[in-house]
């Protein structure tokens, strides 16, 4: 059976590989809940961090307990993408706010680690394969369209659905406005029920409540 959502290409050695047509696929809230239920408890912290920050996987794998400011409720991404096309020689660190609920969860993780130790383990490739297996195990439609980067897109779409200003989303994701428009769709695809679930999952991230 031919899957019309996947393009088959060949590398320079003549080996076949697949390319997803739909690179803008994101998790609906019910899909995310099902996915997290399918993930082993030891692997949940990484995916929890990604959905709550929209960080790239390379940024997440360099996070240490010392990068969190629990008093102010934020985290500093210091190992960020270098945008050579824009003349950058190194990535620009980003500091972003976190919800009260997520701060509580990650603080418990950090309390058991040295301040300068990387929190999340595994490589980009191994974690990507883990995500694919768990997405499929959760019974999510078109599981082949998912990779770690889809969590980043999900974060951006969820913030858009709860009316976070575009400029704030851009600062959070480290995007310029044109890149944001090109890679993120309309939040109108979410139902009212979806938006209510997203608000629960994002907690008070943009509610400006006093944290800790």
N, C-alpha and C. Protein backbone atom coordinates (compact mmCIF):
# COMPACT_ATOMS: atom_id res chain seq x y z
N UNK A 1 0.84 -1.20 0.00
CA UNK A 1 0.00 0.00 0.00
C UNK A 1 0.87 1.25 0.00
N UNK A 2 0.58 2.19 -0.91
CA UNK A 2 1.39 3.41 -1.04
C UNK A 2 0.89 4.46 -0.05
N UNK A 3 1.80 5.01 0.73
CA UNK A 3 1.46 6.07 1.66
C UNK A 3 1.70 7.41 0.96
N UNK A 4 0.62 8.12 0.68
CA UNK A 4 0.73 9.37 -0.08
C UNK A 4 1.30 10.52 0.74
N UNK A 5 1.45 10.31 2.05
CA UNK A 5 1.99 11.37 2.92
C UNK A 5 3.51 11.31 3.03
N UNK A 6 4.13 10.30 2.39
CA UNK A 6 5.57 10.12 2.48
C UNK A 6 6.19 10.07 1.09
N UNK A 7 7.30 10.76 0.91
CA UNK A 7 8.05 10.73 -0.34
C UNK A 7 9.27 9.85 -0.14
N UNK A 8 9.51 8.92 -1.07
CA UNK A 8 10.68 8.06 -1.00
C UNK A 8 11.79 8.64 -1.88
N UNK A 9 12.96 8.86 -1.28
CA UNK A 9 14.11 9.39 -2.02
C UNK A 9 15.29 8.44 -1.86
N UNK A 10 16.35 8.72 -2.60
CA UNK A 10 17.56 7.92 -2.49
C UNK A 10 18.75 8.80 -2.12
N UNK A 11 19.62 8.27 -1.25
CA UNK A 11 20.83 9.01 -0.93
C UNK A 11 21.90 8.74 -1.99
N UNK A 12 23.09 9.31 -1.80
CA UNK A 12 24.14 9.18 -2.79
C UNK A 12 24.64 7.75 -2.97
N UNK A 13 24.32 6.89 -1.99
CA UNK A 13 24.72 5.48 -2.08
C UNK A 13 23.62 4.58 -2.62
N UNK A 14 22.54 5.22 -3.07
CA UNK A 14 21.45 4.47 -3.66
C UNK A 14 20.48 3.86 -2.66
N UNK A 15 20.61 4.23 -1.37
CA UNK A 15 19.72 3.69 -0.35
C UNK A 15 18.47 4.55 -0.22
N UNK A 16 17.32 3.91 -0.10
CA UNK A 16 16.06 4.62 0.02
C UNK A 16 15.88 5.20 1.42
N UNK A 17 15.27 6.38 1.48
CA UNK A 17 14.86 6.95 2.75
C UNK A 17 13.58 7.73 2.52
N UNK A 18 12.86 7.99 3.58
CA UNK A 18 11.56 8.65 3.45
C UNK A 18 11.61 10.09 3.95
N UNK A 19 10.79 10.93 3.32
CA UNK A 19 10.67 12.33 3.71
C UNK A 19 9.19 12.62 3.94
N UNK A 20 8.88 13.21 5.06
CA UNK A 20 7.48 13.53 5.36
C UNK A 20 7.01 14.72 4.52
N UNK A 21 5.80 14.60 3.96
CA UNK A 21 5.21 15.72 3.24
C UNK A 21 4.70 16.78 4.21
N UNK A 22 4.10 16.31 5.30
CA UNK A 22 3.50 17.24 6.26
C UNK A 22 4.46 17.51 7.41
N UNK A 23 5.26 18.56 7.29
CA UNK A 23 6.22 18.90 8.33
C UNK A 23 5.63 19.83 9.38
N UNK A 24 4.36 20.20 9.20
CA UNK A 24 3.74 21.10 10.16
C UNK A 24 2.77 20.37 11.08
N UNK A 25 2.85 19.06 11.11
CA UNK A 25 1.98 18.27 11.99
C UNK A 25 2.30 18.60 13.44
N UNK A 26 1.29 18.70 14.25
CA UNK A 26 1.45 19.00 15.66
C UNK A 26 0.51 18.11 16.45
N UNK A 27 0.68 18.07 17.75
CA UNK A 27 -0.18 17.27 18.61
C UNK A 27 -1.44 18.05 18.98
N UNK A 28 -2.59 17.42 18.84
CA UNK A 28 -3.79 17.93 19.48
C UNK A 28 -3.66 17.56 20.96
N UNK A 29 -4.33 18.30 21.84
CA UNK A 29 -4.12 18.04 23.28
C UNK A 29 -4.45 16.60 23.70
N UNK A 30 -5.50 16.01 23.14
CA UNK A 30 -5.83 14.63 23.49
C UNK A 30 -4.76 13.66 23.01
N UNK A 31 -4.11 13.99 21.87
CA UNK A 31 -3.01 13.16 21.37
C UNK A 31 -1.80 13.26 22.28
N UNK A 32 -1.52 14.46 22.76
CA UNK A 32 -0.38 14.64 23.66
C UNK A 32 -0.58 13.86 24.96
N UNK A 33 -1.78 13.93 25.51
CA UNK A 33 -2.08 13.20 26.74
C UNK A 33 -1.90 11.70 26.53
N UNK A 34 -2.38 11.19 25.39
CA UNK A 34 -2.24 9.77 25.07
C UNK A 34 -0.77 9.40 24.89
N UNK A 35 -0.02 10.28 24.24
CA UNK A 35 1.41 10.05 24.03
C UNK A 35 2.14 9.96 25.36
N UNK A 36 1.91 10.91 26.25
CA UNK A 36 2.62 10.93 27.54
C UNK A 36 2.25 9.72 28.40
N UNK A 37 1.05 9.23 28.26
CA UNK A 37 0.66 8.02 29.00
C UNK A 37 1.43 6.81 28.49
N UNK A 38 1.83 6.86 27.21
CA UNK A 38 2.56 5.74 26.61
C UNK A 38 4.06 5.81 26.86
N UNK A 39 4.53 6.91 27.45
CA UNK A 39 5.96 7.10 27.72
C UNK A 39 6.31 6.61 29.12
N UNK A 40 7.42 5.90 29.24
CA UNK A 40 7.88 5.43 30.56
C UNK A 40 8.21 6.63 31.44
N UNK A 41 7.98 6.49 32.73
CA UNK A 41 8.18 7.60 33.66
C UNK A 41 9.60 8.17 33.62
N UNK A 42 10.59 7.34 33.33
CA UNK A 42 11.98 7.83 33.28
C UNK A 42 12.24 8.72 32.07
N UNK A 43 11.40 8.60 31.05
CA UNK A 43 11.57 9.39 29.83
C UNK A 43 10.67 10.61 29.76
N UNK A 44 9.71 10.70 30.68
CA UNK A 44 8.74 11.80 30.64
C UNK A 44 9.37 13.19 30.81
N UNK A 45 10.38 13.37 31.69
CA UNK A 45 10.91 14.72 31.91
C UNK A 45 11.39 15.44 30.65
N UNK A 46 12.02 14.74 29.72
CA UNK A 46 12.49 15.40 28.50
C UNK A 46 11.31 15.92 27.68
N UNK A 47 10.31 15.07 27.45
CA UNK A 47 9.17 15.49 26.65
C UNK A 47 8.36 16.57 27.36
N UNK A 48 8.32 16.50 28.68
CA UNK A 48 7.64 17.52 29.47
C UNK A 48 8.34 18.87 29.30
N UNK A 49 9.67 18.85 29.29
CA UNK A 49 10.43 20.08 29.08
C UNK A 49 10.18 20.66 27.69
N UNK A 50 10.18 19.80 26.68
CA UNK A 50 10.01 20.26 25.30
C UNK A 50 8.65 20.90 25.07
N UNK A 51 7.58 20.29 25.60
CA UNK A 51 6.25 20.84 25.37
C UNK A 51 6.03 22.12 26.16
N UNK A 52 6.73 22.28 27.29
CA UNK A 52 6.55 23.47 28.11
C UNK A 52 7.44 24.63 27.72
N UNK A 53 8.42 24.38 26.86
CA UNK A 53 9.33 25.45 26.45
C UNK A 53 9.35 25.70 24.95
N UNK A 54 9.08 24.67 24.15
CA UNK A 54 9.23 24.82 22.70
C UNK A 54 10.69 24.80 22.28
N UNK A 55 11.56 24.35 23.17
CA UNK A 55 12.99 24.31 22.88
C UNK A 55 13.31 23.27 21.80
N UNK A 56 14.38 23.51 21.07
CA UNK A 56 14.91 22.51 20.14
C UNK A 56 15.55 21.40 20.97
N UNK A 57 15.63 20.20 20.41
CA UNK A 57 16.18 19.08 21.17
C UNK A 57 17.63 19.34 21.56
N UNK A 58 18.43 19.96 20.68
CA UNK A 58 19.83 20.25 21.01
C UNK A 58 19.91 21.22 22.19
N UNK A 59 18.97 22.16 22.25
CA UNK A 59 18.94 23.10 23.37
C UNK A 59 18.58 22.37 24.67
N UNK A 60 17.62 21.47 24.57
CA UNK A 60 17.16 20.74 25.76
C UNK A 60 18.24 19.83 26.32
N UNK A 61 19.01 19.19 25.45
CA UNK A 61 20.02 18.23 25.92
C UNK A 61 21.19 18.91 26.62
N UNK A 62 21.26 20.24 26.59
CA UNK A 62 22.33 20.97 27.28
C UNK A 62 21.83 21.70 28.53
N UNK A 63 20.61 21.39 28.96
CA UNK A 63 20.05 22.05 30.14
C UNK A 63 20.53 21.38 31.43
N UNK A 64 20.90 22.23 32.41
CA UNK A 64 21.37 21.76 33.72
C UNK A 64 20.49 22.39 34.82
N UNK A 65 20.46 21.82 36.00
CA UNK A 65 19.68 22.43 37.09
C UNK A 65 20.03 23.90 37.31
N UNK A 66 21.29 24.25 37.15
CA UNK A 66 21.72 25.63 37.37
C UNK A 66 21.13 26.62 36.37
N UNK A 67 20.55 26.12 35.28
CA UNK A 67 19.97 27.01 34.27
C UNK A 67 18.56 27.47 34.63
N UNK A 68 17.99 26.89 35.69
CA UNK A 68 16.66 27.29 36.14
C UNK A 68 16.75 28.34 37.23
N UNK A 69 15.88 29.34 37.16
CA UNK A 69 15.74 30.33 38.23
C UNK A 69 14.35 30.09 38.82
N UNK A 70 14.29 29.32 39.88
CA UNK A 70 13.00 28.96 40.45
C UNK A 70 12.32 30.13 41.17
N UNK A 71 13.09 31.11 41.59
CA UNK A 71 12.50 32.28 42.25
C UNK A 71 11.74 33.14 41.24
N UNK A 72 12.32 33.33 40.05
CA UNK A 72 11.68 34.13 39.02
C UNK A 72 10.83 33.30 38.06
N UNK A 73 10.95 32.00 38.16
CA UNK A 73 10.12 31.13 37.33
C UNK A 73 10.52 31.07 35.88
N UNK A 74 11.84 30.96 35.61
CA UNK A 74 12.26 30.88 34.22
C UNK A 74 13.43 29.91 34.04
N UNK A 75 13.79 29.71 32.78
CA UNK A 75 14.94 28.87 32.42
C UNK A 75 15.72 29.59 31.32
N UNK A 76 17.02 29.41 31.35
CA UNK A 76 17.88 30.03 30.34
C UNK A 76 18.43 28.95 29.41
N UNK A 77 18.10 29.06 28.13
CA UNK A 77 18.66 28.18 27.12
C UNK A 77 19.95 28.81 26.64
N UNK A 78 21.06 28.19 26.95
CA UNK A 78 22.35 28.82 26.63
C UNK A 78 23.02 28.18 25.41
N UNK A 79 22.65 26.96 25.07
CA UNK A 79 23.22 26.30 23.89
C UNK A 79 22.17 26.34 22.80
N UNK A 80 22.12 27.43 22.05
CA UNK A 80 21.07 27.64 21.05
C UNK A 80 21.61 27.54 19.63
N UNK A 81 20.68 27.51 18.69
CA UNK A 81 21.04 27.34 17.28
C UNK A 81 21.80 28.55 16.75
N UNK A 82 22.88 28.29 16.01
CA UNK A 82 23.63 29.36 15.34
C UNK A 82 23.05 29.56 13.95
N UNK A 83 22.60 30.78 13.67
CA UNK A 83 21.97 31.08 12.39
C UNK A 83 22.99 31.73 11.47
N UNK A 84 23.72 30.86 10.74
CA UNK A 84 24.81 31.33 9.89
C UNK A 84 24.33 32.27 8.79
N UNK A 85 23.10 32.02 8.29
CA UNK A 85 22.57 32.87 7.22
C UNK A 85 22.36 34.31 7.67
N UNK A 86 22.27 34.49 8.98
CA UNK A 86 22.09 35.83 9.53
C UNK A 86 23.40 36.39 10.06
N UNK A 87 24.50 35.72 9.75
CA UNK A 87 25.81 36.20 10.13
C UNK A 87 26.21 35.89 11.55
N UNK A 88 25.49 34.98 12.22
CA UNK A 88 25.83 34.64 13.60
C UNK A 88 27.00 33.66 13.64
N UNK A 89 27.88 33.85 14.60
CA UNK A 89 28.99 32.91 14.81
C UNK A 89 28.72 32.00 16.00
N UNK A 90 27.70 32.35 16.77
CA UNK A 90 27.27 31.50 17.89
C UNK A 90 25.82 31.83 18.19
N UNK A 91 25.13 30.91 18.81
CA UNK A 91 23.72 31.12 19.12
C UNK A 91 23.50 32.15 20.21
N UNK A 92 22.31 32.76 20.19
CA UNK A 92 21.96 33.75 21.20
C UNK A 92 21.15 33.09 22.31
N UNK A 93 21.61 33.14 23.56
CA UNK A 93 20.86 32.54 24.67
C UNK A 93 19.45 33.15 24.77
N UNK A 94 18.51 32.33 25.22
CA UNK A 94 17.14 32.81 25.41
C UNK A 94 16.70 32.45 26.84
N UNK A 95 16.02 33.38 27.47
CA UNK A 95 15.44 33.11 28.79
C UNK A 95 13.93 33.16 28.65
N UNK A 96 13.25 32.15 29.16
CA UNK A 96 11.79 32.10 29.01
C UNK A 96 11.11 31.72 30.31
N UNK A 97 9.88 32.18 30.45
CA UNK A 97 9.09 31.89 31.65
C UNK A 97 8.55 30.47 31.60
N UNK A 98 8.20 29.95 32.77
CA UNK A 98 7.65 28.61 32.91
C UNK A 98 6.42 28.66 33.80
N UNK A 99 5.52 27.71 33.61
CA UNK A 99 4.31 27.69 34.43
C UNK A 99 4.63 27.19 35.84
N UNK A 100 3.75 27.51 36.77
CA UNK A 100 3.93 27.08 38.14
C UNK A 100 3.94 25.56 38.25
N UNK A 101 2.99 24.92 37.56
CA UNK A 101 2.89 23.46 37.62
C UNK A 101 4.15 22.80 37.08
N UNK A 102 4.65 23.31 35.95
CA UNK A 102 5.85 22.70 35.39
C UNK A 102 7.07 22.96 36.27
N UNK A 103 7.17 24.15 36.84
CA UNK A 103 8.29 24.45 37.74
C UNK A 103 8.35 23.47 38.90
N UNK A 104 7.18 23.10 39.40
CA UNK A 104 7.15 22.13 40.50
C UNK A 104 7.68 20.77 40.08
N UNK A 105 7.31 20.34 38.87
CA UNK A 105 7.75 19.03 38.39
C UNK A 105 9.25 19.01 38.12
N UNK A 106 9.76 20.03 37.45
CA UNK A 106 11.18 20.02 37.08
C UNK A 106 12.05 20.29 38.31
N UNK A 107 11.53 21.00 39.29
CA UNK A 107 12.30 21.23 40.50
C UNK A 107 12.57 19.92 41.23
N UNK A 108 11.59 19.04 41.23
CA UNK A 108 11.78 17.74 41.87
C UNK A 108 12.85 16.92 41.15
N UNK A 109 12.92 17.07 39.83
CA UNK A 109 13.95 16.38 39.05
C UNK A 109 15.32 16.97 39.38
N UNK A 110 15.40 18.29 39.40
CA UNK A 110 16.68 18.98 39.63
C UNK A 110 17.23 18.74 41.03
N UNK A 111 16.35 18.56 42.00
CA UNK A 111 16.80 18.35 43.38
C UNK A 111 17.64 17.10 43.55
N UNK A 112 17.53 16.17 42.61
CA UNK A 112 18.26 14.91 42.70
C UNK A 112 19.53 14.88 41.85
N UNK A 113 19.91 16.05 41.31
CA UNK A 113 21.07 16.10 40.41
C UNK A 113 22.05 17.18 40.82
N UNK A 114 23.35 17.01 40.50
CA UNK A 114 24.32 18.09 40.69
C UNK A 114 23.93 19.28 39.82
N UNK A 115 24.24 20.47 40.27
CA UNK A 115 23.82 21.69 39.57
C UNK A 115 24.37 21.80 38.15
N UNK A 116 25.54 21.23 37.90
CA UNK A 116 26.17 21.38 36.59
C UNK A 116 26.02 20.15 35.70
N UNK A 117 25.16 19.23 36.07
CA UNK A 117 24.98 18.00 35.28
C UNK A 117 23.84 18.17 34.29
N UNK A 118 24.02 17.68 33.07
CA UNK A 118 22.94 17.71 32.10
C UNK A 118 21.78 16.87 32.62
N UNK A 119 20.58 17.40 32.50
CA UNK A 119 19.40 16.74 33.06
C UNK A 119 18.92 15.58 32.19
N UNK A 120 18.91 15.81 30.89
CA UNK A 120 18.32 14.82 29.97
C UNK A 120 19.41 14.01 29.28
N UNK A 121 19.15 12.73 29.11
CA UNK A 121 20.13 11.82 28.55
C UNK A 121 19.73 11.37 27.15
N UNK A 122 20.65 10.64 26.50
CA UNK A 122 20.39 10.13 25.16
C UNK A 122 20.76 11.15 24.10
N UNK A 123 20.84 10.69 22.86
CA UNK A 123 21.17 11.57 21.74
C UNK A 123 19.89 12.07 21.07
N UNK A 124 20.06 13.01 20.17
CA UNK A 124 18.93 13.49 19.39
C UNK A 124 18.27 12.33 18.65
N UNK A 125 19.10 11.48 18.05
CA UNK A 125 18.59 10.36 17.25
C UNK A 125 17.84 9.34 18.11
N UNK A 126 18.42 8.98 19.26
CA UNK A 126 17.77 7.97 20.10
C UNK A 126 16.46 8.49 20.69
N UNK A 127 16.43 9.75 21.06
CA UNK A 127 15.20 10.32 21.60
C UNK A 127 14.14 10.49 20.52
N UNK A 128 14.59 10.76 19.31
CA UNK A 128 13.64 10.87 18.19
C UNK A 128 12.99 9.52 17.90
N UNK A 129 13.80 8.47 17.93
CA UNK A 129 13.27 7.13 17.69
C UNK A 129 12.33 6.72 18.83
N UNK A 130 12.67 7.12 20.05
CA UNK A 130 11.81 6.83 21.20
C UNK A 130 10.45 7.49 21.01
N UNK A 131 10.46 8.77 20.60
CA UNK A 131 9.20 9.48 20.37
C UNK A 131 8.37 8.75 19.31
N UNK A 132 8.98 8.36 18.22
CA UNK A 132 8.25 7.69 17.14
C UNK A 132 7.60 6.40 17.64
N UNK A 133 8.32 5.64 18.43
CA UNK A 133 7.77 4.38 18.96
C UNK A 133 6.59 4.65 19.89
N UNK A 134 6.72 5.66 20.74
CA UNK A 134 5.67 5.94 21.70
C UNK A 134 4.44 6.58 21.03
N UNK A 135 4.65 7.39 20.00
CA UNK A 135 3.53 7.96 19.24
C UNK A 135 2.73 6.83 18.60
N UNK A 136 3.44 5.88 18.03
CA UNK A 136 2.77 4.74 17.40
C UNK A 136 2.05 3.90 18.45
N UNK A 137 2.69 3.68 19.59
CA UNK A 137 2.08 2.90 20.67
C UNK A 137 0.82 3.57 21.21
N UNK A 138 0.78 4.91 21.15
CA UNK A 138 -0.38 5.66 21.64
C UNK A 138 -1.54 5.62 20.65
N UNK A 139 -1.31 5.04 19.47
CA UNK A 139 -2.37 4.92 18.48
C UNK A 139 -2.72 6.22 17.79
N UNK A 140 -1.74 7.13 17.68
CA UNK A 140 -1.98 8.43 17.06
C UNK A 140 -1.95 8.29 15.53
N UNK A 141 -2.94 8.89 14.90
CA UNK A 141 -3.07 8.83 13.44
C UNK A 141 -1.83 9.40 12.77
N UNK A 142 -1.46 8.86 11.63
CA UNK A 142 -0.28 9.26 10.84
C UNK A 142 0.96 9.48 11.71
N UNK A 143 1.27 8.48 12.52
CA UNK A 143 2.42 8.56 13.43
C UNK A 143 3.73 8.82 12.71
N UNK A 144 3.81 8.43 11.43
CA UNK A 144 5.03 8.61 10.64
C UNK A 144 5.36 10.08 10.39
N UNK A 145 4.41 10.98 10.63
CA UNK A 145 4.65 12.41 10.43
C UNK A 145 5.28 13.10 11.63
N UNK A 146 5.54 12.35 12.70
CA UNK A 146 6.04 12.96 13.93
C UNK A 146 7.54 12.79 14.12
N UNK A 147 8.16 13.84 14.63
CA UNK A 147 9.54 13.82 15.08
C UNK A 147 9.61 14.75 16.29
N UNK A 148 10.77 14.84 16.92
CA UNK A 148 10.91 15.72 18.08
C UNK A 148 10.55 17.17 17.75
N UNK A 149 10.85 17.59 16.53
CA UNK A 149 10.59 18.98 16.16
C UNK A 149 9.10 19.31 16.16
N UNK A 150 8.26 18.28 16.01
CA UNK A 150 6.82 18.52 16.04
C UNK A 150 6.34 18.99 17.42
N UNK A 151 7.10 18.64 18.47
CA UNK A 151 6.74 19.13 19.80
C UNK A 151 6.94 20.64 19.86
N UNK A 152 7.99 21.13 19.25
CA UNK A 152 8.26 22.57 19.18
C UNK A 152 7.13 23.29 18.43
N UNK A 153 6.70 22.70 17.33
CA UNK A 153 5.60 23.29 16.56
C UNK A 153 4.31 23.26 17.37
N UNK A 154 4.12 22.18 18.12
CA UNK A 154 2.94 22.07 18.97
C UNK A 154 2.91 23.18 20.01
N UNK A 155 4.05 23.44 20.64
CA UNK A 155 4.14 24.50 21.65
C UNK A 155 3.73 25.84 21.05
N UNK A 156 4.27 26.15 19.88
CA UNK A 156 3.94 27.41 19.22
C UNK A 156 2.46 27.51 18.87
N UNK A 157 1.89 26.42 18.35
CA UNK A 157 0.48 26.41 17.98
C UNK A 157 -0.42 26.52 19.21
N UNK A 158 -0.03 25.85 20.29
CA UNK A 158 -0.83 25.93 21.51
C UNK A 158 -0.84 27.35 22.07
N UNK A 159 0.32 28.00 22.08
CA UNK A 159 0.37 29.38 22.57
C UNK A 159 -0.47 30.30 21.70
N UNK A 160 -0.44 30.05 20.40
CA UNK A 160 -1.25 30.84 19.48
C UNK A 160 -2.73 30.66 19.77
N UNK A 161 -3.13 29.43 20.12
CA UNK A 161 -4.54 29.13 20.35
C UNK A 161 -5.08 29.80 21.61
N UNK A 162 -4.19 30.11 22.58
CA UNK A 162 -4.64 30.76 23.82
C UNK A 162 -4.29 32.26 23.80
N UNK A 163 -4.11 32.77 22.56
CA UNK A 163 -3.98 34.22 22.31
C UNK A 163 -2.72 34.87 22.86
N UNK A 164 -1.63 34.10 22.93
CA UNK A 164 -0.34 34.71 23.27
C UNK A 164 0.11 35.51 22.05
N UNK A 165 0.55 36.76 22.20
CA UNK A 165 0.95 37.59 21.05
C UNK A 165 2.05 36.93 20.22
N UNK A 166 1.97 37.12 18.89
CA UNK A 166 2.92 36.51 17.98
C UNK A 166 4.36 36.90 18.30
N UNK A 167 4.57 38.16 18.68
CA UNK A 167 5.94 38.61 18.96
C UNK A 167 6.51 37.88 20.18
N UNK A 168 5.65 37.58 21.15
CA UNK A 168 6.10 36.85 22.34
C UNK A 168 6.45 35.41 21.98
N UNK A 169 5.66 34.80 21.10
CA UNK A 169 5.94 33.43 20.65
C UNK A 169 7.26 33.40 19.89
N UNK A 170 7.49 34.41 19.05
CA UNK A 170 8.74 34.49 18.28
C UNK A 170 9.95 34.59 19.21
N UNK A 171 9.87 35.42 20.23
CA UNK A 171 10.97 35.57 21.18
C UNK A 171 11.21 34.26 21.92
N UNK A 172 10.15 33.59 22.25
CA UNK A 172 10.25 32.34 22.99
C UNK A 172 10.90 31.25 22.15
N UNK A 173 10.52 31.17 20.89
CA UNK A 173 11.03 30.13 20.00
C UNK A 173 12.35 30.50 19.33
N UNK A 174 12.73 31.77 19.39
CA UNK A 174 13.95 32.21 18.73
C UNK A 174 13.75 32.33 17.23
N UNK A 175 12.53 32.71 16.80
CA UNK A 175 12.19 32.88 15.39
C UNK A 175 12.05 34.35 15.05
N UNK A 176 12.22 34.69 13.77
CA UNK A 176 11.76 35.99 13.32
C UNK A 176 10.32 35.83 12.85
N UNK A 177 9.64 36.93 12.60
CA UNK A 177 8.21 36.87 12.31
C UNK A 177 7.90 36.12 11.02
N UNK A 178 8.72 36.29 9.99
CA UNK A 178 8.48 35.61 8.72
C UNK A 178 8.61 34.09 8.85
N UNK A 179 9.59 33.66 9.64
CA UNK A 179 9.76 32.22 9.88
C UNK A 179 8.55 31.68 10.62
N UNK A 180 8.08 32.45 11.57
CA UNK A 180 6.90 32.04 12.34
C UNK A 180 5.69 31.87 11.43
N UNK A 181 5.45 32.82 10.55
CA UNK A 181 4.31 32.75 9.65
C UNK A 181 4.42 31.57 8.69
N UNK A 182 5.66 31.26 8.28
CA UNK A 182 5.87 30.19 7.30
C UNK A 182 5.71 28.80 7.88
N UNK A 183 5.93 28.66 9.18
CA UNK A 183 5.97 27.32 9.77
C UNK A 183 4.84 26.99 10.74
N UNK A 184 4.01 27.97 11.05
CA UNK A 184 2.93 27.72 12.00
C UNK A 184 1.59 28.08 11.37
N UNK A 185 0.64 27.14 11.45
CA UNK A 185 -0.66 27.33 10.81
C UNK A 185 -1.63 28.12 11.67
N UNK A 186 -2.90 28.08 11.25
CA UNK A 186 -3.95 28.80 11.96
C UNK A 186 -4.38 28.04 13.20
N UNK A 187 -4.54 28.76 14.30
CA UNK A 187 -4.97 28.13 15.54
C UNK A 187 -6.47 27.86 15.54
N UNK A 188 -7.16 28.30 14.49
CA UNK A 188 -8.60 28.08 14.40
C UNK A 188 -8.94 26.60 14.18
N UNK A 189 -7.92 25.78 13.91
CA UNK A 189 -8.17 24.34 13.73
C UNK A 189 -8.56 23.68 15.05
N UNK A 190 -8.26 24.33 16.17
CA UNK A 190 -8.59 23.76 17.47
C UNK A 190 -10.05 24.07 17.84
N UNK A 191 -10.71 23.08 18.42
CA UNK A 191 -12.07 23.29 18.91
C UNK A 191 -12.03 23.98 20.27
N UNK A 192 -13.18 24.39 20.75
CA UNK A 192 -13.25 25.01 22.07
C UNK A 192 -12.78 24.03 23.14
N UNK A 193 -13.14 22.75 22.96
CA UNK A 193 -12.69 21.72 23.90
C UNK A 193 -11.18 21.59 23.87
N UNK A 194 -10.59 21.64 22.66
CA UNK A 194 -9.13 21.59 22.53
C UNK A 194 -8.48 22.73 23.30
N UNK A 195 -9.00 23.94 23.10
CA UNK A 195 -8.41 25.12 23.73
C UNK A 195 -8.49 25.02 25.25
N UNK A 196 -9.57 24.51 25.76
CA UNK A 196 -9.70 24.35 27.21
C UNK A 196 -8.67 23.36 27.74
N UNK A 197 -8.45 22.29 26.99
CA UNK A 197 -7.44 21.31 27.39
C UNK A 197 -6.03 21.90 27.32
N UNK A 198 -5.79 22.70 26.28
CA UNK A 198 -4.49 23.36 26.13
C UNK A 198 -4.24 24.32 27.30
N UNK A 199 -5.26 25.05 27.69
CA UNK A 199 -5.13 25.96 28.84
C UNK A 199 -4.75 25.19 30.10
N UNK A 200 -5.32 24.00 30.28
CA UNK A 200 -4.98 23.18 31.45
C UNK A 200 -3.53 22.71 31.37
N UNK A 201 -3.12 22.27 30.17
CA UNK A 201 -1.77 21.74 30.00
C UNK A 201 -0.70 22.83 30.15
N UNK A 202 -1.02 24.05 29.70
CA UNK A 202 -0.08 25.17 29.80
C UNK A 202 -0.15 25.86 31.16
N UNK A 203 -1.16 25.51 31.95
CA UNK A 203 -1.32 26.05 33.31
C UNK A 203 -1.32 27.58 33.28
N UNK A 204 -0.54 28.23 34.12
CA UNK A 204 -0.55 29.69 34.20
C UNK A 204 0.63 30.31 33.45
N UNK A 205 1.09 29.64 32.40
CA UNK A 205 2.29 30.11 31.69
C UNK A 205 2.21 31.58 31.30
N UNK A 206 1.05 31.99 30.76
CA UNK A 206 0.91 33.40 30.39
C UNK A 206 -0.24 34.07 31.16
N UNK A 207 -0.52 33.54 32.34
CA UNK A 207 -1.57 34.13 33.16
C UNK A 207 -1.02 35.18 34.13
N UNK A 208 0.32 35.31 34.18
CA UNK A 208 0.99 36.30 35.03
C UNK A 208 0.69 36.13 36.52
N UNK A 209 0.48 34.90 36.94
CA UNK A 209 0.29 34.65 38.36
C UNK A 209 1.64 34.63 39.07
N UNK A 210 1.62 34.94 40.36
CA UNK A 210 2.85 34.91 41.14
C UNK A 210 3.29 33.44 41.33
N UNK A 211 4.54 33.14 41.01
CA UNK A 211 5.05 31.78 41.12
C UNK A 211 6.02 31.65 42.29
N UNK A 212 5.96 30.50 42.92
CA UNK A 212 6.90 30.13 44.00
C UNK A 212 7.23 31.31 44.90
